[in-house]
Amino acid sequence: MGSTLTDGWPVGLLNSEQTELPFLPTFAAMGATEEQKILGIVRDVLGKPGLGVDDDLFDHGGTSLSFVRVLAEINQELHVRVRTGDLRGVATPRRIAACVTSGQAAATADS
């Protein structure tokens, strides 16, 4: 079988019996920016791969529970604590990233 690519994946890499994708590095492992990391977290939690950095979580199916999950993932991945009040009512990946990079988010003890 040749090494033809389809959408960036070699043909035959995944078969119909395979249920999991091969290992893909996390955003942190790839040296992504804080904004890219946060966007990836938000997309994963909401299950919205097409979500943009300026899309409000609540306008795209986010709930208070999913918002808490996003903040918990950010805490775990980036070792910061973002408070909802820091966002000033705007829950976009860009606004969350701005809080993290501006120092508004508090560093956690395990960082």
PDB file of N, CA and C in Angstrom:
ATOM      1  N   MET A   1       0.850  -1.181   0.000  1.00  0.00           N
ATOM      2  CA  MET A   1       0.000   0.000   0.000  1.00  0.00           C
ATOM      3  C   MET A   1       0.889   1.235   0.000  1.00  0.00           C
ATOM      4  N   GLY A   2       0.562   2.231  -0.814  1.00  0.00           N
ATOM      5  CA  GLY A   2       1.336   3.462  -0.900  1.00  0.00           C
ATOM      6  C   GLY A   2       1.117   4.345   0.315  1.00  0.00           C
ATOM      7  N   SER A   3       1.809   5.459   0.332  1.00  0.00           N
ATOM      8  CA  SER A   3       1.685   6.373   1.466  1.00  0.00           C
ATOM      9  C   SER A   3       0.893   7.608   1.075  1.00  0.00           C
ATOM     10  N   THR A   4      -0.259   7.416   0.480  1.00  0.00           N
ATOM     11  CA  THR A   4      -1.122   8.516   0.085  1.00  0.00           C
ATOM     12  C   THR A   4      -1.714   9.170   1.324  1.00  0.00           C
ATOM     13  N   LEU A   5      -1.818  10.485   1.318  1.00  0.00           N
ATOM     14  CA  LEU A   5      -2.384  11.212   2.449  1.00  0.00           C
ATOM     15  C   LEU A   5      -3.807  11.642   2.146  1.00  0.00           C
ATOM     16  N   THR A   6      -4.667  11.526   3.130  1.00  0.00           N
ATOM     17  CA  THR A   6      -6.033  12.013   3.045  1.00  0.00           C
ATOM     18  C   THR A   6      -6.279  12.854   4.277  1.00  0.00           C
ATOM     19  N   ASP A   7      -6.551  14.131   4.090  1.00  0.00           N
ATOM     20  CA  ASP A   7      -6.766  15.043   5.215  1.00  0.00           C
ATOM     21  C   ASP A   7      -5.623  14.983   6.218  1.00  0.00           C
ATOM     22  N   GLY A   8      -4.396  14.808   5.738  1.00  0.00           N
ATOM     23  CA  GLY A   8      -3.242  14.800   6.619  1.00  0.00           C
ATOM     24  C   GLY A   8      -2.931  13.463   7.248  1.00  0.00           C
ATOM     25  N   TRP A   9      -3.758  12.441   7.054  1.00  0.00           N
ATOM     26  CA  TRP A   9      -3.540  11.114   7.631  1.00  0.00           C
ATOM     27  C   TRP A   9      -3.199  10.135   6.522  1.00  0.00           C
ATOM     28  N   PRO A  10      -2.175   9.310   6.700  1.00  0.00           N
ATOM     29  CA  PRO A  10      -1.866   8.296   5.695  1.00  0.00           C
ATOM     30  C   PRO A  10      -3.047   7.344   5.538  1.00  0.00           C
ATOM     31  N   VAL A  11      -3.368   7.017   4.296  1.00  0.00           N
ATOM     32  CA  VAL A  11      -4.447   6.078   4.039  1.00  0.00           C
ATOM     33  C   VAL A  11      -4.101   4.746   4.676  1.00  0.00           C
ATOM     34  N   GLY A  12      -5.063   4.139   5.340  1.00  0.00           N
ATOM     35  CA  GLY A  12      -4.853   2.848   5.975  1.00  0.00           C
ATOM     36  C   GLY A  12      -4.337   2.945   7.399  1.00  0.00           C
ATOM     37  N   LEU A  13      -4.060   4.167   7.879  1.00  0.00           N
ATOM     38  CA  LEU A  13      -3.570   4.322   9.248  1.00  0.00           C
ATOM     39  C   LEU A  13      -4.622   3.861  10.254  1.00  0.00           C
ATOM     40  N   LEU A  14      -5.860   4.233   9.999  1.00  0.00           N
ATOM     41  CA  LEU A  14      -6.954   3.834  10.875  1.00  0.00           C
ATOM     42  C   LEU A  14      -7.833   2.854  10.122  1.00  0.00           C
ATOM     43  N   ASN A  15      -8.242   1.798  10.776  1.00  0.00           N
ATOM     44  CA  ASN A  15      -9.158   0.869  10.134  1.00  0.00           C
ATOM     45  C   ASN A  15     -10.498   0.901  10.854  1.00  0.00           C
ATOM     46  N   SER A  16     -11.467   0.232  10.299  1.00  0.00           N
ATOM     47  CA  SER A  16     -12.820   0.301  10.846  1.00  0.00           C
ATOM     48  C   SER A  16     -12.938  -0.333  12.230  1.00  0.00           C
ATOM     49  N   GLU A  17     -12.033  -1.243  12.587  1.00  0.00           N
ATOM     50  CA  GLU A  17     -12.096  -1.863  13.907  1.00  0.00           C
ATOM     51  C   GLU A  17     -11.452  -1.003  14.980  1.00  0.00           C
ATOM     52  N   GLN A  18     -10.633  -0.049  14.592  1.00  0.00           N
ATOM     53  CA  GLN A  18      -9.916   0.777  15.549  1.00  0.00           C
ATOM     54  C   GLN A  18     -10.861   1.832  16.120  1.00  0.00           C
ATOM     55  N   THR A  19     -10.931   1.947  17.439  1.00  0.00           N
ATOM     56  CA  THR A  19     -11.854   2.890  18.053  1.00  0.00           C
ATOM     57  C   THR A  19     -11.160   4.131  18.598  1.00  0.00           C
ATOM     58  N   GLU A  20      -9.850   4.079  18.772  1.00  0.00           N
ATOM     59  CA  GLU A  20      -9.127   5.220  19.320  1.00  0.00           C
ATOM     60  C   GLU A  20      -8.116   5.728  18.304  1.00  0.00           C
ATOM     61  N   LEU A  21      -7.917   7.051  18.314  1.00  0.00           N
ATOM     62  CA  LEU A  21      -6.902   7.641  17.456  1.00  0.00           C
ATOM     63  C   LEU A  21      -5.523   7.357  18.032  1.00  0.00           C
ATOM     64  N   PRO A  22      -4.512   7.325  17.191  1.00  0.00           N
ATOM     65  CA  PRO A  22      -3.158   7.151  17.722  1.00  0.00           C
ATOM     66  C   PRO A  22      -2.792   8.347  18.592  1.00  0.00           C
ATOM     67  N   PHE A  23      -1.752   8.202  19.417  1.00  0.00           N
ATOM     68  CA  PHE A  23      -1.319   9.271  20.319  1.00  0.00           C
ATOM     69  C   PHE A  23      -1.099  10.568  19.547  1.00  0.00           C
ATOM     70  N   LEU A  24      -1.676  11.614  20.038  1.00  0.00           N
ATOM     71  CA  LEU A  24      -1.447  12.949  19.501  1.00  0.00           C
ATOM     72  C   LEU A  24      -0.932  13.813  20.643  1.00  0.00           C
ATOM     73  N   PRO A  25       0.114  14.604  20.432  1.00  0.00           N
ATOM     74  CA  PRO A  25       0.644  15.424  21.527  1.00  0.00           C
ATOM     75  C   PRO A  25      -0.373  16.467  21.973  1.00  0.00           C
ATOM     76  N   THR A  26      -0.344  16.798  23.258  1.00  0.00           N
ATOM     77  CA  THR A  26      -1.233  17.828  23.771  1.00  0.00           C
ATOM     78  C   THR A  26      -0.739  19.196  23.316  1.00  0.00           C
ATOM     79  N   PHE A  27      -1.590  20.212  23.464  1.00  0.00           N
ATOM     80  CA  PHE A  27      -1.176  21.566  23.097  1.00  0.00           C
ATOM     81  C   PHE A  27       0.059  21.978  23.888  1.00  0.00           C
ATOM     82  N   ALA A  28       0.107  21.617  25.173  1.00  0.00           N
ATOM     83  CA  ALA A  28       1.249  22.000  25.998  1.00  0.00           C
ATOM     84  C   ALA A  28       2.530  21.375  25.460  1.00  0.00           C
ATOM     85  N   ALA A  29       2.452  20.128  25.024  1.00  0.00           N
ATOM     86  CA  ALA A  29       3.641  19.443  24.518  1.00  0.00           C
ATOM     87  C   ALA A  29       4.116  20.048  23.206  1.00  0.00           C
ATOM     88  N   MET A  30       3.229  20.689  22.477  1.00  0.00           N
ATOM     89  CA  MET A  30       3.600  21.266  21.189  1.00  0.00           C
ATOM     90  C   MET A  30       4.095  22.705  21.321  1.00  0.00           C
ATOM     91  N   GLY A  31       4.128  23.256  22.513  1.00  0.00           N
ATOM     92  CA  GLY A  31       4.594  24.623  22.696  1.00  0.00           C
ATOM     93  C   GLY A  31       3.580  25.656  22.222  1.00  0.00           C
ATOM     94  N   ALA A  32       2.317  25.359  22.355  1.00  0.00           N
ATOM     95  CA  ALA A  32       1.265  26.267  21.919  1.00  0.00           C
ATOM     96  C   ALA A  32       1.200  27.476  22.849  1.00  0.00           C
ATOM     97  N   THR A  33       0.611  28.555  22.349  1.00  0.00           N
ATOM     98  CA  THR A  33       0.410  29.743  23.173  1.00  0.00           C
ATOM     99  C   THR A  33      -0.675  29.454  24.207  1.00  0.00           C
ATOM    100  N   GLU A  34      -0.743  30.289  25.226  1.00  0.00           N
ATOM    101  CA  GLU A  34      -1.785  30.131  26.246  1.00  0.00           C
ATOM    102  C   GLU A  34      -3.164  30.165  25.599  1.00  0.00           C
ATOM    103  N   GLU A  35      -3.355  31.066  24.658  1.00  0.00           N
ATOM    104  CA  GLU A  35      -4.647  31.182  23.983  1.00  0.00           C
ATOM    105  C   GLU A  35      -4.996  29.897  23.234  1.00  0.00           C
ATOM    106  N   GLN A  36      -4.031  29.312  22.546  1.00  0.00           N
ATOM    107  CA  GLN A  36      -4.272  28.060  21.821  1.00  0.00           C
ATOM    108  C   GLN A  36      -4.577  26.921  22.778  1.00  0.00           C
ATOM    109  N   LYS A  37      -3.863  26.874  23.897  1.00  0.00           N
ATOM    110  CA  LYS A  37      -4.110  25.831  24.889  1.00  0.00           C
ATOM    111  C   LYS A  37      -5.526  25.948  25.443  1.00  0.00           C
ATOM    112  N   ILE A  38      -5.918  27.166  25.786  1.00  0.00           N
ATOM    113  CA  ILE A  38      -7.248  27.396  26.344  1.00  0.00           C
ATOM    114  C   ILE A  38      -8.319  27.099  25.308  1.00  0.00           C
ATOM    115  N   LEU A  39      -8.104  27.498  24.075  1.00  0.00           N
ATOM    116  CA  LEU A  39      -9.055  27.195  23.012  1.00  0.00           C
ATOM    117  C   LEU A  39      -9.220  25.684  22.866  1.00  0.00           C
ATOM    118  N   GLY A  40      -8.126  24.946  22.928  1.00  0.00           N
ATOM    119  CA  GLY A  40      -8.189  23.489  22.847  1.00  0.00           C
ATOM    120  C   GLY A  40      -8.982  22.892  23.993  1.00  0.00           C
ATOM    121  N   ILE A  41      -8.784  23.410  25.193  1.00  0.00           N
ATOM    122  CA  ILE A  41      -9.526  22.928  26.363  1.00  0.00           C
ATOM    123  C   ILE A  41     -11.019  23.189  26.179  1.00  0.00           C
ATOM    124  N   VAL A  42     -11.357  24.407  25.771  1.00  0.00           N
ATOM    125  CA  VAL A  42     -12.765  24.763  25.589  1.00  0.00           C
ATOM    126  C   VAL A  42     -13.404  23.887  24.512  1.00  0.00           C
ATOM    127  N   ARG A  43     -12.707  23.699  23.407  1.00  0.00           N
ATOM    128  CA  ARG A  43     -13.232  22.850  22.334  1.00  0.00           C
ATOM    129  C   ARG A  43     -13.465  21.428  22.818  1.00  0.00           C
ATOM    130  N   ASP A  44     -12.517  20.891  23.589  1.00  0.00           N
ATOM    131  CA  ASP A  44     -12.646  19.527  24.105  1.00  0.00           C
ATOM    132  C   ASP A  44     -13.836  19.393  25.051  1.00  0.00           C
ATOM    133  N   VAL A  45     -13.959  20.315  25.991  1.00  0.00           N
ATOM    134  CA  VAL A  45     -15.032  20.229  26.981  1.00  0.00           C
ATOM    135  C   VAL A  45     -16.403  20.381  26.324  1.00  0.00           C
ATOM    136  N   LEU A  46     -16.515  21.337  25.389  1.00  0.00           N
ATOM    137  CA  LEU A  46     -17.805  21.560  24.744  1.00  0.00           C
ATOM    138  C   LEU A  46     -18.064  20.603  23.589  1.00  0.00           C
ATOM    139  N   GLY A  47     -17.018  19.916  23.125  1.00  0.00           N
ATOM    140  CA  GLY A  47     -17.183  19.045  21.967  1.00  0.00           C
ATOM    141  C   GLY A  47     -17.444  19.833  20.701  1.00  0.00           C
ATOM    142  N   LYS A  48     -16.827  21.011  20.590  1.00  0.00           N
ATOM    143  CA  LYS A  48     -17.027  21.911  19.449  1.00  0.00           C
ATOM    144  C   LYS A  48     -15.678  22.211  18.801  1.00  0.00           C
ATOM    145  N   PRO A  49     -15.202  21.342  17.902  1.00  0.00           N
ATOM    146  CA  PRO A  49     -13.880  21.543  17.307  1.00  0.00           C
ATOM    147  C   PRO A  49     -13.750  22.807  16.465  1.00  0.00           C
ATOM    148  N   GLY A  50     -14.858  23.378  16.022  1.00  0.00           N
ATOM    149  CA  GLY A  50     -14.802  24.580  15.192  1.00  0.00           C
ATOM    150  C   GLY A  50     -14.936  25.885  15.960  1.00  0.00           C
ATOM    151  N   LEU A  51     -15.002  25.807  17.277  1.00  0.00           N
ATOM    152  CA  LEU A  51     -15.162  27.001  18.102  1.00  0.00           C
ATOM    153  C   LEU A  51     -13.967  27.927  17.927  1.00  0.00           C
ATOM    154  N   GLY A  52     -14.215  29.224  17.816  1.00  0.00           N
ATOM    155  CA  GLY A  52     -13.150  30.207  17.642  1.00  0.00           C
ATOM    156  C   GLY A  52     -12.790  30.905  18.941  1.00  0.00           C
ATOM    157  N   VAL A  53     -11.697  31.649  18.928  1.00  0.00           N
ATOM    158  CA  VAL A  53     -11.214  32.308  20.147  1.00  0.00           C
ATOM    159  C   VAL A  53     -12.147  33.398  20.654  1.00  0.00           C
ATOM    160  N   ASP A  54     -12.979  33.946  19.775  1.00  0.00           N
ATOM    161  CA  ASP A  54     -13.895  35.005  20.189  1.00  0.00           C
ATOM    162  C   ASP A  54     -15.332  34.522  20.372  1.00  0.00           C
ATOM    163  N   ASP A  55     -15.533  33.207  20.323  1.00  0.00           N
ATOM    164  CA  ASP A  55     -16.866  32.644  20.517  1.00  0.00           C
ATOM    165  C   ASP A  55     -17.136  32.455  22.000  1.00  0.00           C
ATOM    166  N   ASP A  56     -18.264  32.993  22.460  1.00  0.00           N
ATOM    167  CA  ASP A  56     -18.648  32.864  23.859  1.00  0.00           C
ATOM    168  C   ASP A  56     -19.115  31.434  24.124  1.00  0.00           C
ATOM    169  N   LEU A  57     -18.612  30.856  25.187  1.00  0.00           N
ATOM    170  CA  LEU A  57     -18.949  29.478  25.531  1.00  0.00           C
ATOM    171  C   LEU A  57     -20.451  29.274  25.655  1.00  0.00           C
ATOM    172  N   PHE A  58     -21.134  30.230  26.274  1.00  0.00           N
ATOM    173  CA  PHE A  58     -22.564  30.087  26.538  1.00  0.00           C
ATOM    174  C   PHE A  58     -23.407  30.260  25.285  1.00  0.00           C
ATOM    175  N   ASP A  59     -22.882  30.922  24.273  1.00  0.00           N
ATOM    176  CA  ASP A  59     -23.590  31.055  22.998  1.00  0.00           C
ATOM    177  C   ASP A  59     -23.433  29.816  22.132  1.00  0.00           C
ATOM    178  N   HIS A  60     -22.572  28.897  22.551  1.00  0.00           N
ATOM    179  CA  HIS A  60     -22.278  27.703  21.748  1.00  0.00           C
ATOM    180  C   HIS A  60     -22.508  26.419  22.539  1.00  0.00           C
ATOM    181  N   GLY A  61     -23.557  26.420  23.352  1.00  0.00           N
ATOM    182  CA  GLY A  61     -23.948  25.212  24.051  1.00  0.00           C
ATOM    183  C   GLY A  61     -23.342  25.025  25.422  1.00  0.00           C
ATOM    184  N   GLY A  62     -22.528  25.969  25.867  1.00  0.00           N
ATOM    185  CA  GLY A  62     -21.932  25.853  27.196  1.00  0.00           C
ATOM    186  C   GLY A  62     -22.965  26.065  28.292  1.00  0.00           C
ATOM    187  N   THR A  63     -22.783  25.369  29.387  1.00  0.00           N
ATOM    188  CA  THR A  63     -23.640  25.513  30.563  1.00  0.00           C
ATOM    189  C   THR A  63     -22.752  25.912  31.734  1.00  0.00           C
ATOM    190  N   SER A  64     -23.372  26.195  32.864  1.00  0.00           N
ATOM    191  CA  SER A  64     -22.565  26.540  34.030  1.00  0.00           C
ATOM    192  C   SER A  64     -21.668  25.362  34.419  1.00  0.00           C
ATOM    193  N   LEU A  65     -22.156  24.144  34.262  1.00  0.00           N
ATOM    194  CA  LEU A  65     -21.356  22.972  34.582  1.00  0.00           C
ATOM    195  C   LEU A  65     -20.169  22.824  33.621  1.00  0.00           C
ATOM    196  N   SER A  66     -20.405  23.012  32.332  1.00  0.00           N
ATOM    197  CA  SER A  66     -19.288  22.905  31.387  1.00  0.00           C
ATOM    198  C   SER A  66     -18.293  24.040  31.593  1.00  0.00           C
ATOM    199  N   PHE A  67     -18.772  25.204  32.012  1.00  0.00           N
ATOM    200  CA  PHE A  67     -17.876  26.323  32.295  1.00  0.00           C
ATOM    201  C   PHE A  67     -16.959  25.994  33.473  1.00  0.00           C
ATOM    202  N   VAL A  68     -17.527  25.378  34.506  1.00  0.00           N
ATOM    203  CA  VAL A  68     -16.719  24.947  35.655  1.00  0.00           C
ATOM    204  C   VAL A  68     -15.699  23.906  35.210  1.00  0.00           C
ATOM    205  N   ARG A  69     -16.100  23.010  34.331  1.00  0.00           N
ATOM    206  CA  ARG A  69     -15.173  21.998  33.813  1.00  0.00           C
ATOM    207  C   ARG A  69     -14.037  22.656  33.026  1.00  0.00           C
ATOM    208  N   VAL A  70     -14.352  23.684  32.231  1.00  0.00           N
ATOM    209  CA  VAL A  70     -13.321  24.414  31.481  1.00  0.00           C
ATOM    210  C   VAL A  70     -12.319  25.025  32.450  1.00  0.00           C
ATOM    211  N   LEU A  71     -12.819  25.709  33.466  1.00  0.00           N
ATOM    212  CA  LEU A  71     -11.917  26.348  34.436  1.00  0.00           C
ATOM    213  C   LEU A  71     -11.084  25.321  35.190  1.00  0.00           C
ATOM    214  N   ALA A  72     -11.671  24.174  35.505  1.00  0.00           N
ATOM    215  CA  ALA A  72     -10.919  23.116  36.197  1.00  0.00           C
ATOM    216  C   ALA A  72      -9.806  22.572  35.299  1.00  0.00           C
ATOM    217  N   GLU A  73     -10.098  22.379  34.014  1.00  0.00           N
ATOM    218  CA  GLU A  73      -9.075  21.900  33.072  1.00  0.00           C
ATOM    219  C   GLU A  73      -7.952  22.921  32.916  1.00  0.00           C
ATOM    220  N   ILE A  74      -8.312  24.195  32.864  1.00  0.00           N
ATOM    221  CA  ILE A  74      -7.299  25.255  32.762  1.00  0.00           C
ATOM    222  C   ILE A  74      -6.415  25.230  34.005  1.00  0.00           C
ATOM    223  N   ASN A  75      -7.031  25.084  35.174  1.00  0.00           N
ATOM    224  CA  ASN A  75      -6.286  25.000  36.426  1.00  0.00           C
ATOM    225  C   ASN A  75      -5.293  23.841  36.372  1.00  0.00           C
ATOM    226  N   GLN A  76      -5.759  22.697  35.910  1.00  0.00           N
ATOM    227  CA  GLN A  76      -4.913  21.506  35.867  1.00  0.00           C
ATOM    228  C   GLN A  76      -3.798  21.629  34.831  1.00  0.00           C
ATOM    229  N   GLU A  77      -4.121  22.110  33.639  1.00  0.00           N
ATOM    230  CA  GLU A  77      -3.146  22.171  32.549  1.00  0.00           C
ATOM    231  C   GLU A  77      -2.150  23.317  32.696  1.00  0.00           C
ATOM    232  N   LEU A  78      -2.640  24.484  33.121  1.00  0.00           N
ATOM    233  CA  LEU A  78      -1.800  25.690  33.137  1.00  0.00           C
ATOM    234  C   LEU A  78      -1.359  26.104  34.533  1.00  0.00           C
ATOM    235  N   HIS A  79      -1.855  25.417  35.556  1.00  0.00           N
ATOM    236  CA  HIS A  79      -1.480  25.700  36.945  1.00  0.00           C
ATOM    237  C   HIS A  79      -1.804  27.135  37.349  1.00  0.00           C
ATOM    238  N   VAL A  80      -2.994  27.573  36.959  1.00  0.00           N
ATOM    239  CA  VAL A  80      -3.503  28.882  37.367  1.00  0.00           C
ATOM    240  C   VAL A  80      -4.958  28.722  37.787  1.00  0.00           C
ATOM    241  N   ARG A  81      -5.463  29.697  38.498  1.00  0.00           N
ATOM    242  CA  ARG A  81      -6.872  29.695  38.881  1.00  0.00           C
ATOM    243  C   ARG A  81      -7.522  30.955  38.318  1.00  0.00           C
ATOM    244  N   VAL A  82      -8.427  30.774  37.380  1.00  0.00           N
ATOM    245  CA  VAL A  82      -9.173  31.886  36.801  1.00  0.00           C
ATOM    246  C   VAL A  82     -10.485  32.003  37.561  1.00  0.00           C
ATOM    247  N   ARG A  83     -10.760  33.182  38.069  1.00  0.00           N
ATOM    248  CA  ARG A  83     -12.023  33.425  38.769  1.00  0.00           C
ATOM    249  C   ARG A  83     -13.042  33.965  37.773  1.00  0.00           C
ATOM    250  N   THR A  84     -14.277  33.559  37.941  1.00  0.00           N
ATOM    251  CA  THR A  84     -15.318  33.996  36.999  1.00  0.00           C
ATOM    252  C   THR A  84     -15.446  35.519  36.967  1.00  0.00           C
ATOM    253  N   GLY A  85     -15.223  36.171  38.096  1.00  0.00           N
ATOM    254  CA  GLY A  85     -15.296  37.633  38.141  1.00  0.00           C
ATOM    255  C   GLY A  85     -14.240  38.314  37.287  1.00  0.00           C
ATOM    256  N   ASP A  86     -13.107  37.642  37.068  1.00  0.00           N
ATOM    257  CA  ASP A  86     -12.042  38.199  36.234  1.00  0.00           C
ATOM    258  C   ASP A  86     -12.469  38.345  34.782  1.00  0.00           C
ATOM    259  N   LEU A  87     -13.460  37.562  34.372  1.00  0.00           N
ATOM    260  CA  LEU A  87     -13.865  37.543  32.966  1.00  0.00           C
ATOM    261  C   LEU A  87     -14.826  38.668  32.609  1.00  0.00           C
ATOM    262  N   ARG A  88     -15.342  39.352  33.615  1.00  0.00           N
ATOM    263  CA  ARG A  88     -16.249  40.486  33.411  1.00  0.00           C
ATOM    264  C   ARG A  88     -17.423  40.133  32.490  1.00  0.00           C
ATOM    265  N   GLY A  89     -17.984  38.942  32.696  1.00  0.00           N
ATOM    266  CA  GLY A  89     -19.172  38.538  31.956  1.00  0.00           C
ATOM    267  C   GLY A  89     -18.928  38.052  30.538  1.00  0.00           C
ATOM    268  N   VAL A  90     -17.678  37.974  30.110  1.00  0.00           N
ATOM    269  CA  VAL A  90     -17.360  37.521  28.757  1.00  0.00           C
ATOM    270  C   VAL A  90     -16.592  36.207  28.862  1.00  0.00           C
ATOM    271  N   ALA A  91     -17.203  35.130  28.398  1.00  0.00           N
ATOM    272  CA  ALA A  91     -16.584  33.808  28.528  1.00  0.00           C
ATOM    273  C   ALA A  91     -16.107  33.301  27.171  1.00  0.00           C
ATOM    274  N   THR A  92     -15.104  33.979  26.619  1.00  0.00           N
ATOM    275  CA  THR A  92     -14.500  33.527  25.365  1.00  0.00           C
ATOM    276  C   THR A  92     -13.103  32.996  25.672  1.00  0.00           C
ATOM    277  N   PRO A  93     -12.595  32.085  24.841  1.00  0.00           N
ATOM    278  CA  PRO A  93     -11.225  31.621  25.052  1.00  0.00           C
ATOM    279  C   PRO A  93     -10.209  32.769  25.065  1.00  0.00           C
ATOM    280  N   ARG A  94     -10.414  33.779  24.231  1.00  0.00           N
ATOM    281  CA  ARG A  94      -9.483  34.920  24.202  1.00  0.00           C
ATOM    282  C   ARG A  94      -9.504  35.679  25.521  1.00  0.00           C
ATOM    283  N   ARG A  95     -10.687  35.897  26.086  1.00  0.00           N
ATOM    284  CA  ARG A  95     -10.802  36.639  27.358  1.00  0.00           C
ATOM    285  C   ARG A  95     -10.192  35.832  28.503  1.00  0.00           C
ATOM    286  N   ILE A  96     -10.434  34.523  28.495  1.00  0.00           N
ATOM    287  CA  ILE A  96      -9.841  33.673  29.531  1.00  0.00           C
ATOM    288  C   ILE A  96      -8.314  33.716  29.425  1.00  0.00           C
ATOM    289  N   ALA A  97      -7.808  33.631  28.200  1.00  0.00           N
ATOM    290  CA  ALA A  97      -6.355  33.679  27.978  1.00  0.00           C
ATOM    291  C   ALA A  97      -5.781  35.018  28.421  1.00  0.00           C
ATOM    292  N   ALA A  98      -6.515  36.097  28.176  1.00  0.00           N
ATOM    293  CA  ALA A  98      -6.048  37.422  28.590  1.00  0.00           C
ATOM    294  C   ALA A  98      -5.914  37.489  30.110  1.00  0.00           C
ATOM    295  N   CYS A  99      -6.842  36.876  30.823  1.00  0.00           N
ATOM    296  CA  CYS A  99      -6.760  36.835  32.290  1.00  0.00           C
ATOM    297  C   CYS A  99      -5.527  36.063  32.741  1.00  0.00           C
ATOM    298  N   VAL A 100      -5.249  34.959  32.060  1.00  0.00           N
ATOM    299  CA  VAL A 100      -4.105  34.127  32.425  1.00  0.00           C
ATOM    300  C   VAL A 100      -2.799  34.846  32.133  1.00  0.00           C
ATOM    301  N   THR A 101      -2.667  35.429  30.942  1.00  0.00           N
ATOM    302  CA  THR A 101      -1.397  36.047  30.553  1.00  0.00           C
ATOM    303  C   THR A 101      -1.161  37.397  31.205  1.00  0.00           C
ATOM    304  N   SER A 102      -2.233  38.076  31.630  1.00  0.00           N
ATOM    305  CA  SER A 102      -2.051  39.388  32.266  1.00  0.00           C
ATOM    306  C   SER A 102      -1.720  39.271  33.745  1.00  0.00           C
ATOM    307  N   GLY A 103      -1.774  38.061  34.271  1.00  0.00           N
ATOM    308  CA  GLY A 103      -1.476  37.870  35.682  1.00  0.00           C
ATOM    309  C   GLY A 103      -2.687  37.981  36.572  1.00  0.00           C
ATOM    310  N   GLN A 104      -3.888  38.186  35.986  1.00  0.00           N
ATOM    311  CA  GLN A 104      -5.093  38.246  36.797  1.00  0.00           C
ATOM    312  C   GLN A 104      -5.398  36.897  37.439  1.00  0.00           C
ATOM    313  N   ALA A 105      -5.058  35.842  36.741  1.00  0.00           N
ATOM    314  CA  ALA A 105      -5.288  34.500  37.286  1.00  0.00           C
ATOM    315  C   ALA A 105      -4.224  34.207  38.328  1.00  0.00           C
ATOM    316  N   ALA A 106      -4.639  33.645  39.432  1.00  0.00           N
ATOM    317  CA  ALA A 106      -3.700  33.333  40.515  1.00  0.00           C
ATOM    318  C   ALA A 106      -2.990  32.025  40.237  1.00  0.00           C
ATOM    319  N   ALA A 107      -1.689  32.006  40.482  1.00  0.00           N
ATOM    320  CA  ALA A 107      -0.919  30.766  40.331  1.00  0.00           C
ATOM    321  C   ALA A 107      -1.339  29.799  41.423  1.00  0.00           C
ATOM    322  N   THR A 108      -1.425  28.526  41.070  1.00  0.00           N
ATOM    323  CA  THR A 108      -1.785  27.509  42.065  1.00  0.00           C
ATOM    324  C   THR A 108      -0.542  27.018  42.775  1.00  0.00           C
ATOM    325  N   ALA A 109      -0.728  26.411  43.909  1.00  0.00           N
ATOM    326  CA  ALA A 109       0.391  25.969  44.759  1.00  0.00           C
ATOM    327  C   ALA A 109       1.249  24.898  44.116  1.00  0.00           C
ATOM    328  N   ASP A 110       0.688  24.098  43.193  1.00  0.00           N
ATOM    329  CA  ASP A 110       1.467  23.007  42.622  1.00  0.00           C
ATOM    330  C   ASP A 110       2.196  23.389  41.351  1.00  0.00           C
ATOM    331  N   SER A 111       2.301  24.672  41.053  1.00  0.00           N
ATOM    332  CA  SER A 111       3.028  25.078  39.840  1.00  0.00           C
ATOM    333  C   SER A 111       4.490  25.300  40.126  1.00  0.00           C
TER     334      SER A 111
END
